[in-house]
Amino acid sequence: MQTALLEQNETAAGPLELVELELALKHQDFVEQGFEGAVKHALEQIEGRLLFQMRLDGVNDCDWVAAIALEDDDTPVHALVVQRTGSDTLDVESIETSDLPVARIVNAYASLITTLDRVQ
């Protein structure tokens, strides 16, 4: 399996964490573990958190997408892991630069999860 970090205008917050995620994903057996397994195992290695995942079935040229949270000096960095239709690679996209509509809900969902974690 290969991963490809999209070279778009990176923001100052978090490009190193995204590269770390990309490297962790690169060492996963995507065929054996599947999308969910590869993403979860990579996040365990870098102490990231899966916020949600969804099957897109070709919408926006994607089969799967996962929203993730990484920590950068106690500041959360949110990103998407995307499996494009017909591709055997996983792309890591910053939510600030992603063209996928799902990127717009990641911050709100992460805030909801953080609030629920505090309640427990």
C-alpha atoms as a PDB file:
ATOM      1  CA  MET A   1       0.000   0.000   0.000  1.00  0.00           C
ATOM      2  CA  GLN A   2       1.146   3.497  -0.717  1.00  0.00           C
ATOM      3  CA  THR A   3       0.067   6.784   0.781  1.00  0.00           C
ATOM      4  CA  ALA A   4       0.183  10.192  -0.785  1.00  0.00           C
ATOM      5  CA  LEU A   5       0.140  13.422   1.218  1.00  0.00           C
ATOM      6  CA  LEU A   6      -1.485  15.965  -1.045  1.00  0.00           C
ATOM      7  CA  GLU A   7       0.822  18.864  -1.722  1.00  0.00           C
ATOM      8  CA  GLN A   8      -1.578  21.717  -1.317  1.00  0.00           C
ATOM      9  CA  ASN A   9      -1.063  24.924   0.600  1.00  0.00           C
ATOM     10  CA  GLU A  10      -0.206  23.557   4.026  1.00  0.00           C
ATOM     11  CA  THR A  11      -1.190  25.635   6.987  1.00  0.00           C
ATOM     12  CA  ALA A  12       1.250  26.427   9.753  1.00  0.00           C
ATOM     13  CA  ALA A  13      -0.658  24.135  12.138  1.00  0.00           C
ATOM     14  CA  GLY A  14       0.199  20.519  11.836  1.00  0.00           C
ATOM     15  CA  PRO A  15       2.022  19.564   8.641  1.00  0.00           C
ATOM     16  CA  LEU A  16       4.550  17.523  10.639  1.00  0.00           C
ATOM     17  CA  GLU A  17       1.752  15.554  12.297  1.00  0.00           C
ATOM     18  CA  LEU A  18       0.220  14.855   8.889  1.00  0.00           C
ATOM     19  CA  VAL A  19       3.538  13.544   7.587  1.00  0.00           C
ATOM     20  CA  GLU A  20       3.815  11.346  10.675  1.00  0.00           C
ATOM     21  CA  LEU A  21       0.344   9.954   9.939  1.00  0.00           C
ATOM     22  CA  GLU A  22       1.254   9.383   6.309  1.00  0.00           C
ATOM     23  CA  LEU A  23       4.354   7.416   7.327  1.00  0.00           C
ATOM     24  CA  ALA A  24       2.380   5.327   9.820  1.00  0.00           C
ATOM     25  CA  LEU A  25      -0.203   4.519   7.121  1.00  0.00           C
ATOM     26  CA  LYS A  26       2.511   3.588   4.652  1.00  0.00           C
ATOM     27  CA  HIS A  27       3.560   0.678   6.860  1.00  0.00           C
ATOM     28  CA  GLN A  28       0.077  -0.865   7.095  1.00  0.00           C
ATOM     29  CA  ASP A  29      -1.108  -3.884   5.127  1.00  0.00           C
ATOM     30  CA  PHE A  30      -4.124  -2.214   3.574  1.00  0.00           C
ATOM     31  CA  VAL A  31      -5.235  -5.353   1.728  1.00  0.00           C
ATOM     32  CA  GLU A  32      -5.197  -7.542   4.852  1.00  0.00           C
ATOM     33  CA  GLN A  33      -6.484  -4.985   7.369  1.00  0.00           C
ATOM     34  CA  GLY A  34      -8.908  -3.084   5.165  1.00  0.00           C
ATOM     35  CA  PHE A  35      -9.431   0.668   5.360  1.00  0.00           C
ATOM     36  CA  GLU A  36     -10.658   0.780   8.960  1.00  0.00           C
ATOM     37  CA  GLY A  37      -7.977  -1.555  10.273  1.00  0.00           C
ATOM     38  CA  ALA A  38      -5.146   0.280   8.521  1.00  0.00           C
ATOM     39  CA  VAL A  39      -6.307   3.668   9.794  1.00  0.00           C
ATOM     40  CA  LYS A  40      -6.855   2.463  13.373  1.00  0.00           C
ATOM     41  CA  HIS A  41      -3.496   0.697  13.546  1.00  0.00           C
ATOM     42  CA  ALA A  42      -1.664   3.749  12.183  1.00  0.00           C
ATOM     43  CA  LEU A  43      -3.417   5.991  14.712  1.00  0.00           C
ATOM     44  CA  GLU A  44      -2.406   3.677  17.561  1.00  0.00           C
ATOM     45  CA  GLN A  45       1.234   4.066  16.522  1.00  0.00           C
ATOM     46  CA  ILE A  46       1.156   7.859  16.589  1.00  0.00           C
ATOM     47  CA  GLU A  47      -1.390   8.275  19.391  1.00  0.00           C
ATOM     48  CA  GLY A  48      -4.017   9.772  17.119  1.00  0.00           C
ATOM     49  CA  ARG A  49      -7.765   9.445  17.419  1.00  0.00           C
ATOM     50  CA  LEU A  50     -10.386   8.295  14.939  1.00  0.00           C
ATOM     51  CA  LEU A  51     -13.306  10.720  15.039  1.00  0.00           C
ATOM     52  CA  PHE A  52     -15.469   8.998  12.437  1.00  0.00           C
ATOM     53  CA  GLN A  53     -15.312   7.099   9.195  1.00  0.00           C
ATOM     54  CA  MET A  54     -17.801   6.720   6.405  1.00  0.00           C
ATOM     55  CA  ARG A  55     -18.218   4.846   3.178  1.00  0.00           C
ATOM     56  CA  LEU A  56     -18.796   7.216   0.279  1.00  0.00           C
ATOM     57  CA  ASP A  57     -19.294   4.625  -2.503  1.00  0.00           C
ATOM     58  CA  GLY A  58     -17.738   6.786  -5.209  1.00  0.00           C
ATOM     59  CA  VAL A  59     -19.158  10.149  -4.119  1.00  0.00           C
ATOM     60  CA  ASN A  60     -16.543  12.824  -4.817  1.00  0.00           C
ATOM     61  CA  ASP A  61     -14.393  10.044  -6.331  1.00  0.00           C
ATOM     62  CA  CYS A  62     -13.928   8.452  -2.878  1.00  0.00           C
ATOM     63  CA  ASP A  63     -14.776   5.035  -1.492  1.00  0.00           C
ATOM     64  CA  TRP A  64     -13.858   5.668   2.166  1.00  0.00           C
ATOM     65  CA  VAL A  65     -13.011   8.669   4.319  1.00  0.00           C
ATOM     66  CA  ALA A  66     -11.953   8.893   7.962  1.00  0.00           C
ATOM     67  CA  ALA A  67     -11.698  12.028  10.063  1.00  0.00           C
ATOM     68  CA  ILE A  68      -8.857  11.934  12.566  1.00  0.00           C
ATOM     69  CA  ALA A  69      -7.453  14.085  15.357  1.00  0.00           C
ATOM     70  CA  LEU A  70      -3.768  14.435  16.191  1.00  0.00           C
ATOM     71  CA  GLU A  71      -2.165  16.489  18.951  1.00  0.00           C
ATOM     72  CA  ASP A  72       0.318  19.303  18.280  1.00  0.00           C
ATOM     73  CA  ASP A  73       1.505  20.756  21.608  1.00  0.00           C
ATOM     74  CA  ASP A  74      -1.973  20.214  23.122  1.00  0.00           C
ATOM     75  CA  THR A  75      -3.608  21.775  20.057  1.00  0.00           C
ATOM     76  CA  PRO A  76      -5.707  19.355  18.023  1.00  0.00           C
ATOM     77  CA  VAL A  77      -4.863  18.908  14.357  1.00  0.00           C
ATOM     78  CA  HIS A  78      -7.700  17.483  12.275  1.00  0.00           C
ATOM     79  CA  ALA A  79      -7.301  15.718   8.951  1.00  0.00           C
ATOM     80  CA  LEU A  80      -8.929  13.261   6.594  1.00  0.00           C
ATOM     81  CA  VAL A  81      -7.653   9.900   5.419  1.00  0.00           C
ATOM     82  CA  VAL A  82      -9.188   9.195   2.021  1.00  0.00           C
ATOM     83  CA  GLN A  83      -9.315   6.114  -0.181  1.00  0.00           C
ATOM     84  CA  ARG A  84     -10.027   7.298  -3.721  1.00  0.00           C
ATOM     85  CA  THR A  85     -12.170   5.171  -6.013  1.00  0.00           C
ATOM     86  CA  GLY A  86     -10.060   2.636  -7.886  1.00  0.00           C
ATOM     87  CA  SER A  87      -6.918   3.536  -5.947  1.00  0.00           C
ATOM     88  CA  ASP A  88      -4.763   1.368  -3.746  1.00  0.00           C
ATOM     89  CA  THR A  89      -3.379   4.384  -1.907  1.00  0.00           C
ATOM     90  CA  LEU A  90      -4.593   6.357   1.078  1.00  0.00           C
ATOM     91  CA  ASP A  91      -4.389  10.136   0.868  1.00  0.00           C
ATOM     92  CA  VAL A  92      -3.933  12.324   3.934  1.00  0.00           C
ATOM     93  CA  GLU A  93      -5.610  15.707   3.599  1.00  0.00           C
ATOM     94  CA  SER A  94      -5.686  18.661   5.948  1.00  0.00           C
ATOM     95  CA  ILE A  95      -9.299  19.697   6.554  1.00  0.00           C
ATOM     96  CA  GLU A  96      -8.333  23.291   5.782  1.00  0.00           C
ATOM     97  CA  THR A  97      -7.243  22.390   2.242  1.00  0.00           C
ATOM     98  CA  SER A  98      -9.526  19.451   1.455  1.00  0.00           C
ATOM     99  CA  ASP A  99     -12.141  19.830  -1.280  1.00  0.00           C
ATOM    100  CA  LEU A 100     -14.329  17.119   0.268  1.00  0.00           C
ATOM    101  CA  PRO A 101     -17.586  18.450   1.770  1.00  0.00           C
ATOM    102  CA  VAL A 102     -17.149  16.201   4.828  1.00  0.00           C
ATOM    103  CA  ALA A 103     -14.114  18.290   5.847  1.00  0.00           C
ATOM    104  CA  ARG A 104     -16.460  21.101   6.893  1.00  0.00           C
ATOM    105  CA  ILE A 105     -18.019  19.057   9.726  1.00  0.00           C
ATOM    106  CA  VAL A 106     -14.842  17.670  11.297  1.00  0.00           C
ATOM    107  CA  ASN A 107     -14.229  20.549  13.738  1.00  0.00           C
ATOM    108  CA  ALA A 108     -17.836  20.492  14.949  1.00  0.00           C
ATOM    109  CA  TYR A 109     -17.769  16.722  15.390  1.00  0.00           C
ATOM    110  CA  ALA A 110     -14.441  16.879  17.262  1.00  0.00           C
ATOM    111  CA  SER A 111     -15.876  19.535  19.595  1.00  0.00           C
ATOM    112  CA  LEU A 112     -18.891  17.336  20.263  1.00  0.00           C
ATOM    113  CA  ILE A 113     -16.681  14.338  21.092  1.00  0.00           C
ATOM    114  CA  THR A 114     -14.527  16.480  23.414  1.00  0.00           C
ATOM    115  CA  THR A 115     -17.634  17.706  25.239  1.00  0.00           C
ATOM    116  CA  LEU A 116     -18.993  14.179  25.607  1.00  0.00           C
ATOM    117  CA  ASP A 117     -15.621  12.956  26.921  1.00  0.00           C
ATOM    118  CA  ARG A 118     -15.730  15.624  29.642  1.00  0.00           C
ATOM    119  CA  VAL A 119     -19.231  14.558  30.708  1.00  0.00           C
ATOM    120  CA  GLN A 120     -18.190  10.948  31.244  1.00  0.00           C
END
